[in-house]
Amino acid sequence: MARSREKQILLDEFAAVGKALASPHRVYLLDILAQGERSVERLAEAASMSVASASQHLQHLRQAGMVSTRRNGTQILYRLSGEDILPLMEALRVTGRRHRQEIQNLVDGYLKDRDGMEPVSRLELMQRMRDHEVLVLDVRPEDEFQSGHIAGAVNLPIRALMRRLKDLPKNVEIVAYCRGEYCLFAYDAVALLRKKGYRARRLEQGFPEWRSQGLPVEVTP
């Protein structure tokens, strides 16, 4: 009986992790935190939520052990509790795509229509960067870029891309990336660049997946 109770407690704890993910708002907050630590105010702004709502969701994630905090002066900063949260998020996306037809339909009917050229894999990008054959473009917001980015990447947030196209060379292919495989920033950047005559493709996934594989990353002070 004691062994059965212990197993039930264990199952309850596993279920608590699943319960913490049972909200699109919390999944979105984790997706943003995968880019780097943030205050609740910045998280709320990025997720288009009220500060009160974001704080409540963050407490659920903290109770489940998925996020942690640190104090920076008077400010409380949130971050993922460990790098192992990244493969958990990736597993959630992969499993959902394989077993939820609605997800597959959305990817096939929407994202593929926006991406007519084969995306660049991490391995291919690494090789082309070594050979100086490509410009890597990070189209996330500046604060996310500063928290961590692919080593050697240039930051040009999607909202500023149109007015700063002249800053980009046309004699080299551009590979754009953003928050992850389903982040639309990279799709939109590639579409705009191609329309303006640039050779452009997107990275197969995004910065969190790159970082989780131990590939070269830089942080801007």
Protein backbone atom coordinates (compact mmCIF):
# COMPACT_ATOMS: atom_id res chain seq x y z
CA MET A 1 0.00 0.00 0.00
CA ALA A 2 2.82 2.39 0.87
CA ARG A 3 4.40 1.75 -2.50
CA SER A 4 1.07 2.48 -4.21
CA ARG A 5 0.72 5.80 -2.38
CA GLU A 6 4.25 6.78 -3.36
CA LYS A 7 3.48 5.99 -6.98
CA GLN A 8 0.31 8.08 -6.82
CA ILE A 9 2.25 11.01 -5.41
CA LEU A 10 4.79 10.64 -8.20
CA LEU A 11 2.05 10.54 -10.84
CA ASP A 12 0.44 13.62 -9.29
CA GLU A 13 3.73 15.49 -9.59
CA PHE A 14 4.15 14.49 -13.24
CA ALA A 15 0.56 15.59 -13.88
CA ALA A 16 1.33 18.97 -12.31
CA VAL A 17 3.86 19.60 -15.09
CA GLY A 18 1.28 18.67 -17.69
CA LYS A 19 -1.30 20.89 -16.03
CA ALA A 20 1.09 23.84 -16.16
CA LEU A 21 1.24 23.40 -19.94
CA ALA A 22 -2.55 23.19 -20.29
CA SER A 23 -2.86 26.85 -21.23
CA PRO A 24 -1.85 28.51 -24.51
CA HIS A 25 -0.85 31.60 -22.53
CA ARG A 26 1.67 29.62 -20.47
CA VAL A 27 3.06 27.87 -23.53
CA TYR A 28 3.51 31.28 -25.13
CA LEU A 29 5.24 32.67 -22.03
CA LEU A 30 7.63 29.70 -22.06
CA ASP A 31 8.29 30.33 -25.74
CA ILE A 32 9.26 33.92 -24.96
CA LEU A 33 11.39 32.90 -21.97
CA ALA A 34 13.23 30.47 -24.24
CA GLN A 35 14.76 33.60 -25.80
CA GLY A 36 16.09 34.83 -22.43
CA GLU A 37 15.00 36.12 -19.04
CA ARG A 38 12.38 38.88 -18.78
CA SER A 39 10.52 40.94 -16.23
CA VAL A 40 6.81 40.31 -15.89
CA GLU A 41 6.16 43.68 -17.54
CA ARG A 42 8.21 42.76 -20.63
CA LEU A 43 6.63 39.32 -20.77
CA ALA A 44 3.15 40.82 -20.59
CA GLU A 45 4.00 43.25 -23.38
CA ALA A 46 5.48 40.55 -25.62
CA ALA A 47 2.53 38.21 -25.05
CA SER A 48 -0.12 40.97 -25.36
CA MET A 49 -1.40 40.22 -21.86
CA SER A 50 -2.08 42.32 -18.80
CA VAL A 51 0.63 42.30 -16.16
CA ALA A 52 -1.80 40.75 -13.68
CA SER A 53 -2.66 37.92 -16.05
CA ALA A 54 0.96 37.27 -16.98
CA SER A 55 1.93 37.22 -13.30
CA GLN A 56 -0.77 34.68 -12.51
CA HIS A 57 0.32 32.36 -15.32
CA LEU A 58 3.95 32.71 -14.29
CA GLN A 59 3.08 31.62 -10.76
CA HIS A 60 1.52 28.43 -12.16
CA LEU A 61 4.70 27.77 -14.13
CA ARG A 62 6.87 28.50 -11.11
CA GLN A 63 4.86 26.14 -8.90
CA ALA A 64 5.37 23.42 -11.51
CA GLY A 65 9.13 24.08 -11.41
CA MET A 66 9.33 25.27 -15.01
CA VAL A 67 10.44 28.84 -14.36
CA SER A 68 12.58 30.46 -11.70
CA THR A 69 13.32 34.04 -10.69
CA ARG A 70 16.20 36.24 -9.68
CA ARG A 71 16.28 39.75 -8.28
CA ASN A 72 18.01 42.54 -10.19
CA GLY A 73 17.85 45.54 -7.89
CA THR A 74 14.14 46.18 -7.35
CA GLN A 75 13.16 44.12 -10.37
CA ILE A 76 12.22 40.43 -10.46
CA LEU A 77 13.35 38.62 -13.61
CA TYR A 78 11.84 35.34 -14.80
CA ARG A 79 13.72 32.65 -16.72
CA LEU A 80 13.38 28.99 -17.63
CA SER A 81 14.37 26.83 -14.68
CA GLY A 82 16.79 24.83 -16.82
CA GLU A 83 17.96 24.10 -20.35
CA ASP A 84 15.99 20.83 -20.20
CA ILE A 85 12.78 22.85 -20.63
CA LEU A 86 13.79 23.49 -24.26
CA PRO A 87 13.63 19.84 -25.42
CA LEU A 88 10.35 19.49 -23.51
CA MET A 89 8.88 22.34 -25.56
CA GLU A 90 10.26 20.83 -28.74
CA ALA A 91 8.74 17.45 -27.86
CA LEU A 92 5.39 19.17 -27.31
CA ARG A 93 5.53 20.69 -30.79
CA VAL A 94 6.68 17.50 -32.50
CA THR A 95 4.11 15.32 -30.75
CA GLY A 96 1.34 17.82 -31.46
CA ARG A 97 2.24 17.97 -35.14
CA ARG A 98 2.32 14.18 -35.45
CA HIS A 99 -0.89 13.43 -33.60
CA ARG A 100 -3.08 16.51 -33.96
CA GLN A 101 -4.47 16.77 -37.46
CA GLU A 102 -5.50 20.36 -36.84
CA ILE A 103 -1.86 21.31 -36.31
CA GLN A 104 -0.73 19.47 -39.43
CA ASN A 105 -3.48 21.13 -41.48
CA LEU A 106 -2.42 24.56 -40.25
CA VAL A 107 1.24 23.93 -41.03
CA ASP A 108 0.48 22.49 -44.48
CA GLY A 109 -2.14 25.05 -45.43
CA TYR A 110 -0.61 28.21 -44.01
CA LEU A 111 3.07 28.03 -43.19
CA LYS A 112 4.13 26.01 -46.24
CA ASP A 113 2.34 28.48 -48.50
CA ARG A 114 4.56 31.19 -47.02
CA ASP A 115 7.78 29.23 -47.47
CA GLY A 116 8.24 28.14 -51.06
CA MET A 117 11.93 27.31 -50.66
CA GLU A 118 13.44 24.53 -48.53
CA PRO A 119 14.55 25.95 -45.17
CA VAL A 120 18.20 25.84 -44.11
CA SER A 121 19.15 23.17 -41.58
CA ARG A 122 21.39 23.93 -38.61
CA LEU A 123 24.15 21.77 -40.08
CA GLU A 124 24.02 23.53 -43.44
CA LEU A 125 24.01 26.96 -41.81
CA MET A 126 27.04 26.10 -39.68
CA GLN A 127 28.96 25.01 -42.77
CA ARG A 128 27.99 28.06 -44.79
CA MET A 129 28.90 30.37 -41.92
CA ARG A 130 32.34 28.76 -41.72
CA ASP A 131 32.74 29.33 -45.45
CA HIS A 132 31.52 32.96 -45.15
CA GLU A 133 28.78 32.29 -47.69
CA VAL A 134 25.81 33.70 -45.82
CA LEU A 135 24.54 36.58 -43.70
CA VAL A 136 22.57 35.40 -40.66
CA LEU A 137 19.71 37.73 -39.79
CA ASP A 138 18.02 37.71 -36.39
CA VAL A 139 14.60 39.33 -36.79
CA ARG A 140 13.52 39.11 -33.14
CA PRO A 141 13.12 42.22 -30.97
CA GLU A 142 16.38 43.82 -29.87
CA ASP A 143 16.14 42.78 -26.21
CA GLU A 144 15.76 39.12 -27.22
CA PHE A 145 18.80 39.42 -29.48
CA GLN A 146 20.82 40.94 -26.65
CA SER A 147 19.87 38.10 -24.29
CA GLY A 148 21.40 35.60 -26.69
CA HIS A 149 21.74 35.01 -30.41
CA ILE A 150 23.48 32.86 -32.99
CA ALA A 151 27.15 33.84 -32.97
CA GLY A 152 27.85 36.26 -35.80
CA ALA A 153 24.20 37.09 -36.48
CA VAL A 154 23.02 40.61 -37.28
CA ASN A 155 19.90 41.95 -35.57
CA LEU A 156 17.24 43.68 -37.63
CA PRO A 157 13.83 43.35 -35.95
CA ILE A 158 10.98 42.53 -38.30
CA ARG A 159 9.24 45.84 -37.53
CA ALA A 160 12.30 47.77 -38.73
CA LEU A 161 13.17 45.56 -41.69
CA MET A 162 11.32 47.47 -44.39
CA ARG A 163 12.89 50.85 -43.62
CA ARG A 164 16.39 49.41 -43.18
CA LEU A 165 16.64 47.12 -46.20
CA LYS A 166 19.41 49.30 -47.60
CA ASP A 167 21.62 48.14 -44.70
CA LEU A 168 21.64 44.59 -46.08
CA PRO A 169 23.94 43.45 -48.91
CA LYS A 170 22.46 41.92 -52.06
CA ASN A 171 25.54 39.95 -53.05
CA VAL A 172 25.10 37.25 -50.41
CA GLU A 173 22.23 34.99 -49.41
CA ILE A 174 20.45 35.92 -46.18
CA VAL A 175 19.21 33.31 -43.70
CA ALA A 176 16.65 34.70 -41.28
CA TYR A 177 15.63 33.18 -37.96
CA CYS A 178 13.43 34.10 -35.02
CA ARG A 179 11.91 32.43 -31.95
CA GLY A 180 11.31 28.97 -33.36
CA GLU A 181 9.97 26.86 -36.20
CA TYR A 182 6.47 28.34 -36.00
CA CYS A 183 7.45 31.93 -35.35
CA LEU A 184 6.11 34.01 -38.25
CA PHE A 185 8.78 36.72 -38.02
CA ALA A 186 11.22 34.68 -40.12
CA TYR A 187 8.57 33.76 -42.70
CA ASP A 188 7.56 37.41 -43.05
CA ALA A 189 11.18 38.55 -43.30
CA VAL A 190 12.01 36.06 -46.03
CA ALA A 191 8.88 36.98 -48.00
CA LEU A 192 9.75 40.68 -47.83
CA LEU A 193 13.40 40.14 -48.73
CA ARG A 194 12.55 38.01 -51.75
CA LYS A 195 9.99 40.56 -52.91
CA LYS A 196 12.71 43.22 -52.83
CA GLY A 197 15.16 41.13 -54.84
CA TYR A 198 17.25 39.55 -52.08
CA ARG A 199 18.19 35.89 -51.96
CA ALA A 200 16.73 34.75 -48.67
CA ARG A 201 15.78 31.60 -46.81
CA ARG A 202 14.82 30.90 -43.22
CA LEU A 203 16.53 28.72 -40.64
CA GLU A 204 14.71 25.42 -40.21
CA GLN A 205 13.95 26.18 -36.57
CA GLY A 206 14.95 29.08 -34.31
CA PHE A 207 17.26 30.36 -31.63
CA PRO A 208 16.07 28.13 -28.74
CA GLU A 209 16.63 24.96 -30.77
CA TRP A 210 20.05 26.23 -31.89
CA ARG A 211 21.02 26.94 -28.27
CA SER A 212 19.72 23.60 -26.98
CA GLN A 213 22.06 21.81 -29.39
CA GLY A 214 25.08 23.56 -27.88
CA LEU A 215 25.84 25.51 -31.07
CA PRO A 216 27.75 28.83 -30.90
CA VAL A 217 25.83 31.59 -29.11
CA GLU A 218 26.72 35.16 -28.21
CA VAL A 219 25.26 37.56 -25.64
CA THR A 220 25.31 41.32 -26.13
CA PRO A 221 26.31 43.14 -22.92
